[in-house]
Every structure is written in structure tokens, then in C-alpha cells.
């Protein structure tokens, strides 16, 4: 059985998000499911949260990780993982 999540957001934010997700070939519900799947797979919020995040430092750290042999998933790998997790969730009723 599927559960429903309702979230109240400002009209302008919803419209902007809908336009963004549409441009990426997604609807907002799918984008939210992707966020939830990625959060559960990684065990946390799948992006940095905080005050005064130094994005340059984060980018440098990612580049250093990659150049030292760290692996980043391709977009295709990420989508495949998310689709598999969503399918598994649907099969077990999540």
C-alpha cells in the first residue's frame, strides 16, 4: 500500500520546482520520491545543509576525492539505483 505525503509550499516555489523538474523530464512527485530514496540509501540528507556552506571547499573536496580514485556514480547509475530502490519499495509496500 502506498502512503501519501502532503507538503505546503509557497505558490512561487511550487511553480519554480515544477518547471525545473519538468525540464529534467520528471514530475514533482517523482523528484520527491528520488529525494526520499536517496536519503534512505545514504542514511541522511543527500546534500550539505548548514549555515555559510563554503561551496568552493566542497567542490575542491569532491575533485580531490575523484582524482585520488574516488568513484562517483554516473547519472545513469544513479537513476538505475533509484529506480531499483523505488521498485523494491513498491514491491514491499513502502
N, C-alpha and C. Protein backbone atom coordinates (compact mmCIF):
# COMPACT_ATOMS: atom_id res chain seq x y z
N UNK A 1 0.84 -1.18 0.00
CA UNK A 1 0.00 0.00 0.00
C UNK A 1 0.88 1.24 0.00
N UNK A 2 0.53 2.20 -0.79
CA UNK A 2 1.28 3.45 -0.86
C UNK A 2 0.70 4.45 0.13
N UNK A 3 1.57 5.28 0.67
CA UNK A 3 1.15 6.34 1.59
C UNK A 3 1.29 7.68 0.88
N UNK A 4 0.51 8.64 1.31
CA UNK A 4 0.54 9.97 0.73
C UNK A 4 1.25 10.92 1.69
N UNK A 5 2.09 11.79 1.11
CA UNK A 5 2.75 12.85 1.87
C UNK A 5 2.23 14.17 1.32
N UNK A 6 1.77 15.05 2.19
CA UNK A 6 1.34 16.37 1.78
C UNK A 6 2.26 17.41 2.38
N UNK A 7 2.69 18.35 1.54
CA UNK A 7 3.58 19.41 1.99
C UNK A 7 3.05 20.74 1.50
N UNK A 8 2.98 21.72 2.37
CA UNK A 8 2.55 23.06 1.97
C UNK A 8 3.78 23.88 1.62
N UNK A 9 3.76 24.46 0.43
CA UNK A 9 4.84 25.34 0.00
C UNK A 9 4.23 26.56 -0.68
N UNK A 10 5.01 27.60 -0.74
CA UNK A 10 4.61 28.83 -1.42
C UNK A 10 4.33 28.54 -2.89
N UNK A 11 3.33 29.21 -3.46
CA UNK A 11 2.96 29.01 -4.87
C UNK A 11 4.14 29.21 -5.81
N UNK A 12 4.93 30.26 -5.57
CA UNK A 12 6.07 30.54 -6.45
C UNK A 12 7.12 29.43 -6.39
N UNK A 13 7.36 28.89 -5.20
CA UNK A 13 8.31 27.79 -5.05
C UNK A 13 7.80 26.56 -5.78
N UNK A 14 6.53 26.24 -5.62
CA UNK A 14 5.95 25.06 -6.29
C UNK A 14 6.04 25.21 -7.79
N UNK A 15 5.68 26.39 -8.32
CA UNK A 15 5.74 26.61 -9.76
C UNK A 15 7.17 26.49 -10.28
N UNK A 16 8.12 27.08 -9.57
CA UNK A 16 9.53 27.02 -9.98
C UNK A 16 10.03 25.57 -9.95
N UNK A 17 9.68 24.84 -8.90
CA UNK A 17 10.10 23.44 -8.79
C UNK A 17 9.47 22.61 -9.91
N UNK A 18 8.19 22.80 -10.16
CA UNK A 18 7.52 22.07 -11.25
C UNK A 18 8.21 22.32 -12.58
N UNK A 19 8.55 23.58 -12.85
CA UNK A 19 9.22 23.92 -14.11
C UNK A 19 10.59 23.25 -14.19
N UNK A 20 11.35 23.29 -13.10
CA UNK A 20 12.66 22.66 -13.07
C UNK A 20 12.54 21.17 -13.32
N UNK A 21 11.68 20.49 -12.56
CA UNK A 21 11.56 19.04 -12.69
C UNK A 21 11.06 18.65 -14.08
N UNK A 22 10.13 19.42 -14.64
CA UNK A 22 9.65 19.15 -15.99
C UNK A 22 10.80 19.25 -16.99
N UNK A 23 11.67 20.26 -16.79
CA UNK A 23 12.80 20.41 -17.71
C UNK A 23 13.78 19.24 -17.61
N UNK A 24 13.72 18.52 -16.48
CA UNK A 24 14.58 17.36 -16.27
C UNK A 24 13.87 16.06 -16.63
N UNK A 25 12.65 16.19 -17.14
CA UNK A 25 11.88 15.00 -17.54
C UNK A 25 11.21 14.30 -16.37
N UNK A 26 10.98 15.03 -15.28
CA UNK A 26 10.37 14.47 -14.08
C UNK A 26 9.12 15.24 -13.70
N UNK A 27 8.28 14.61 -12.90
CA UNK A 27 7.23 15.39 -12.25
C UNK A 27 7.66 15.57 -10.79
N UNK A 28 6.98 16.44 -10.09
CA UNK A 28 7.39 16.77 -8.73
C UNK A 28 7.30 15.55 -7.81
N UNK A 29 6.27 14.72 -7.97
CA UNK A 29 6.15 13.53 -7.14
C UNK A 29 7.34 12.61 -7.32
N UNK A 30 7.79 12.42 -8.55
CA UNK A 30 8.95 11.56 -8.80
C UNK A 30 10.20 12.17 -8.19
N UNK A 31 10.36 13.48 -8.31
CA UNK A 31 11.52 14.14 -7.72
C UNK A 31 11.54 13.97 -6.20
N UNK A 32 10.40 14.08 -5.56
CA UNK A 32 10.32 13.89 -4.11
C UNK A 32 10.65 12.44 -3.76
N UNK A 33 10.11 11.48 -4.54
CA UNK A 33 10.44 10.07 -4.29
C UNK A 33 11.94 9.84 -4.45
N UNK A 34 12.57 10.47 -5.45
CA UNK A 34 14.01 10.33 -5.64
C UNK A 34 14.76 10.85 -4.42
N UNK A 35 14.32 11.97 -3.88
CA UNK A 35 14.93 12.52 -2.67
C UNK A 35 14.81 11.53 -1.52
N UNK A 36 13.62 10.96 -1.32
CA UNK A 36 13.40 10.03 -0.23
C UNK A 36 14.23 8.76 -0.40
N UNK A 37 14.29 8.23 -1.63
CA UNK A 37 15.08 7.03 -1.89
C UNK A 37 16.56 7.30 -1.62
N UNK A 38 17.07 8.41 -2.15
CA UNK A 38 18.48 8.74 -1.96
C UNK A 38 18.78 8.97 -0.48
N UNK A 39 17.88 9.61 0.24
CA UNK A 39 18.08 9.84 1.68
C UNK A 39 18.18 8.52 2.43
N UNK A 40 17.29 7.59 2.11
CA UNK A 40 17.32 6.31 2.82
C UNK A 40 18.53 5.47 2.42
N UNK A 41 18.95 5.58 1.15
CA UNK A 41 20.13 4.83 0.71
C UNK A 41 21.40 5.36 1.35
N UNK A 42 21.50 6.67 1.51
CA UNK A 42 22.72 7.26 2.05
C UNK A 42 22.68 7.41 3.56
N UNK A 43 21.51 7.23 4.14
CA UNK A 43 21.38 7.36 5.59
C UNK A 43 21.40 8.80 6.06
N UNK A 44 21.02 9.73 5.20
CA UNK A 44 20.99 11.14 5.57
C UNK A 44 20.48 11.99 4.44
N UNK A 45 20.51 13.27 4.66
CA UNK A 45 20.11 14.21 3.62
C UNK A 45 21.17 14.15 2.52
N UNK A 46 20.76 14.00 1.25
CA UNK A 46 21.75 13.79 0.18
C UNK A 46 22.43 15.06 -0.35
N UNK A 47 22.49 16.08 0.48
CA UNK A 47 23.23 17.28 0.12
C UNK A 47 23.61 17.98 1.42
N UNK A 48 24.57 18.89 1.31
CA UNK A 48 25.06 19.57 2.51
C UNK A 48 24.03 20.58 3.02
N UNK A 49 23.88 20.61 4.32
CA UNK A 49 22.98 21.58 4.95
C UNK A 49 23.78 22.31 6.02
N UNK A 50 23.65 23.60 6.07
CA UNK A 50 24.33 24.35 7.10
C UNK A 50 24.39 25.82 6.78
N UNK A 51 24.84 26.55 7.74
CA UNK A 51 24.99 27.99 7.55
C UNK A 51 26.34 28.25 6.91
N UNK A 52 26.37 29.14 5.97
CA UNK A 52 27.63 29.57 5.36
C UNK A 52 28.42 28.43 4.74
N UNK A 53 27.72 27.54 4.04
CA UNK A 53 28.43 26.44 3.39
C UNK A 53 29.41 27.01 2.38
N UNK A 54 30.64 26.58 2.48
CA UNK A 54 31.67 27.00 1.54
C UNK A 54 31.63 26.04 0.35
N UNK A 55 30.88 26.40 -0.67
CA UNK A 55 30.70 25.52 -1.82
C UNK A 55 32.02 25.27 -2.55
N UNK A 56 32.90 26.26 -2.58
CA UNK A 56 34.20 26.07 -3.22
C UNK A 56 34.99 24.96 -2.53
N UNK A 57 34.95 24.94 -1.21
CA UNK A 57 35.64 23.90 -0.46
C UNK A 57 35.01 22.54 -0.75
N UNK A 58 33.71 22.48 -0.81
CA UNK A 58 33.02 21.22 -1.10
C UNK A 58 33.38 20.72 -2.49
N UNK A 59 33.42 21.63 -3.46
CA UNK A 59 33.79 21.24 -4.82
C UNK A 59 35.23 20.77 -4.86
N UNK A 60 36.13 21.48 -4.18
CA UNK A 60 37.55 21.05 -4.13
C UNK A 60 37.68 19.67 -3.50
N UNK A 61 36.91 19.41 -2.44
CA UNK A 61 36.96 18.11 -1.78
C UNK A 61 36.46 17.00 -2.71
N UNK A 62 35.42 17.29 -3.47
CA UNK A 62 34.90 16.30 -4.42
C UNK A 62 35.91 16.03 -5.52
N UNK A 63 36.56 17.08 -6.01
CA UNK A 63 37.59 16.91 -7.05
C UNK A 63 38.75 16.10 -6.50
N UNK A 64 39.18 16.40 -5.28
CA UNK A 64 40.29 15.66 -4.66
C UNK A 64 39.92 14.19 -4.49
N UNK A 65 38.69 13.92 -4.08
CA UNK A 65 38.24 12.54 -3.92
C UNK A 65 38.27 11.81 -5.26
N UNK A 66 37.80 12.48 -6.29
CA UNK A 66 37.75 11.87 -7.63
C UNK A 66 39.16 11.61 -8.16
N UNK A 67 40.06 12.58 -8.00
CA UNK A 67 41.41 12.42 -8.54
C UNK A 67 42.23 11.41 -7.74
N UNK A 68 41.80 11.13 -6.51
CA UNK A 68 42.52 10.13 -5.70
C UNK A 68 41.89 8.75 -5.84
N UNK A 69 41.04 8.59 -6.83
CA UNK A 69 40.46 7.28 -7.10
C UNK A 69 39.05 7.09 -6.60
N UNK A 70 38.47 8.11 -5.99
CA UNK A 70 37.09 8.00 -5.53
C UNK A 70 36.14 7.82 -6.70
N UNK A 71 35.06 7.09 -6.50
CA UNK A 71 34.11 6.81 -7.57
C UNK A 71 32.84 7.64 -7.37
N UNK A 72 32.44 8.30 -8.41
CA UNK A 72 31.15 8.98 -8.43
C UNK A 72 30.26 8.23 -9.39
N UNK A 73 29.01 8.04 -9.01
CA UNK A 73 28.07 7.39 -9.91
C UNK A 73 27.76 8.29 -11.08
N UNK A 74 27.59 7.68 -12.24
CA UNK A 74 27.12 8.44 -13.39
C UNK A 74 25.63 8.73 -13.18
N UNK A 75 25.09 9.63 -13.98
CA UNK A 75 23.66 9.91 -13.89
C UNK A 75 22.87 8.64 -14.15
N UNK A 76 23.30 7.85 -15.11
CA UNK A 76 22.61 6.61 -15.43
C UNK A 76 22.65 5.63 -14.26
N UNK A 77 23.81 5.51 -13.61
CA UNK A 77 23.94 4.62 -12.45
C UNK A 77 23.04 5.10 -11.30
N UNK A 78 23.03 6.40 -11.07
CA UNK A 78 22.19 6.95 -10.00
C UNK A 78 20.72 6.68 -10.27
N UNK A 79 20.29 6.94 -11.50
CA UNK A 79 18.88 6.70 -11.84
C UNK A 79 18.54 5.22 -11.75
N UNK A 80 19.45 4.35 -12.19
CA UNK A 80 19.20 2.91 -12.10
C UNK A 80 19.06 2.49 -10.64
N UNK A 81 19.92 3.01 -9.76
CA UNK A 81 19.83 2.69 -8.33
C UNK A 81 18.51 3.19 -7.75
N UNK A 82 18.10 4.40 -8.12
CA UNK A 82 16.86 4.96 -7.60
C UNK A 82 15.66 4.16 -8.11
N UNK A 83 15.68 3.81 -9.40
CA UNK A 83 14.56 3.02 -9.95
C UNK A 83 14.46 1.66 -9.27
N UNK A 84 15.59 1.02 -9.05
CA UNK A 84 15.60 -0.28 -8.38
C UNK A 84 15.06 -0.15 -6.96
N UNK A 85 15.48 0.90 -6.26
CA UNK A 85 15.01 1.10 -4.88
C UNK A 85 13.52 1.41 -4.86
N UNK A 86 13.04 2.20 -5.81
CA UNK A 86 11.61 2.51 -5.87
C UNK A 86 10.81 1.25 -6.19
N UNK A 87 11.34 0.41 -7.08
CA UNK A 87 10.66 -0.84 -7.42
C UNK A 87 10.61 -1.75 -6.20
N UNK A 88 11.73 -1.87 -5.51
CA UNK A 88 11.77 -2.68 -4.29
C UNK A 88 10.80 -2.15 -3.26
N UNK A 89 10.78 -0.83 -3.09
CA UNK A 89 9.84 -0.23 -2.14
C UNK A 89 8.40 -0.51 -2.51
N UNK A 90 8.09 -0.43 -3.79
CA UNK A 90 6.72 -0.70 -4.24
C UNK A 90 6.36 -2.16 -4.00
N UNK A 91 7.33 -3.04 -4.21
CA UNK A 91 7.06 -4.48 -4.02
C UNK A 91 6.81 -4.84 -2.56
N UNK A 92 7.45 -4.12 -1.65
CA UNK A 92 7.25 -4.43 -0.22
C UNK A 92 6.27 -3.47 0.44
N UNK A 93 5.69 -2.58 -0.36
CA UNK A 93 4.65 -1.70 0.16
C UNK A 93 5.13 -0.44 0.83
N UNK A 94 6.31 0.02 0.45
CA UNK A 94 6.83 1.27 1.03
C UNK A 94 6.48 2.42 0.11
